[in-house]
Amino acid sequence: MEANYVASAGRKLYGKFNVNRVAGDLLDGTLNRLNSSFGAINYAMSPFTSSSQGGNFSVKKRLSHGLSFDAAYTFGKAIDYLSGFTSGQPPDNNNWRSMRGLADFNVARKLAMSLTYQAPELKRMNPFVRGVAGGWQFGSVTILQSGSPYTVSCGTAFAAVKDSTGKVTGNTGCDYNADGVNFDVPNAPVTPLNVNSLDRSAFIKGIFAVTDLPVPSLGKEGNLGRNTYIGPGYANTDVSLMKNFRLPWFTGDAGSNLQIRAESFNLFNRVNLGQPVSTLQSTATFGRSTTARAGRNFQFGMRYSF
């Protein structure tokens, strides 16, 4: 048995995003940018940090009487601003600190188990029984884990509403802060949404609606944080069954070996849903999981070695 506390921290991490933009740029009806002679100016800088803390517990049963068993449980939290050099744009250049949140790869809890059993060779049995009953090997791997985080955003462009004098008085699109860059975030709900501990049927039906997330006022960025919500969990079991036949051909006393193998991936055919649609412009499917990982698969193989 083993138990560990694990922590790490990163400083001066690099990220890249477009700096040629300014909040409120489109409120005069024209996209001017900070420097109108250029489009996007992607700039790399290193003010970002990351941190993670967690623990793990493991139990291992070494090979004994043909049986080997491992189980490991991990838990923790990873926080950063960007999970990769080009993994995202801050909704507002003047407030890139709002990007601090759960790392894209964060998994709060995970249980992994593996089991291997190798049948004895039955040396005292007659050759026929030994050939049929011996040489079998069974293996299984099971993973149970909580979901990964995701960010709610909107990818449509600024759509100005003007009065009779041509003055911009509203916005029917996104790009809430009117800086010419999309994928802005809405405001956080007045009453927090309890959508992080739901079953699969809720993700299929839809865990929230577009109207649950308020639209910011004209020219203002929303205050909903990055990676605020957690997607569906994951559960999977893979198994394999293998039989070795020792053959006396080609290599003298050492013989040769014929291996027949059968494997099943996602043995119980569990539906592991993908992340729910989190872009507000997808009104018909927003808040619903419309994809899933692979279902049950079988694989058969044969190998002859000499």
Foldseek 3Di string as FASTA:
>chain_A
DDKDKDKDKFAQQKAKDFPFWAFPCCQLPDQCTPDNVDDTDIDMGGGKMKMKIWMKDKDWDPQDQQKTKIKMKIFIFIWIQAQDRYRDDQLHPVCSVLSIDTYQPDWGIKMKMKMKGAHDQPVVDPPVCSQVVHQKMKMKMKMWTFFGFFAFWAFDFWDFDADPVRGGDDTPGDSQRRTGGGGFHFAAAPDHQPQADDDQVCQAVFRDALVRTHHDPHNDGYNDGGRPHGFGIDIWMKMKMKGKGFACPDPHPNGKIKMKMKMKTRVVFDWAFDGFDRHNVPRVRHRHGPGTDDGMDMDIDMDIGD
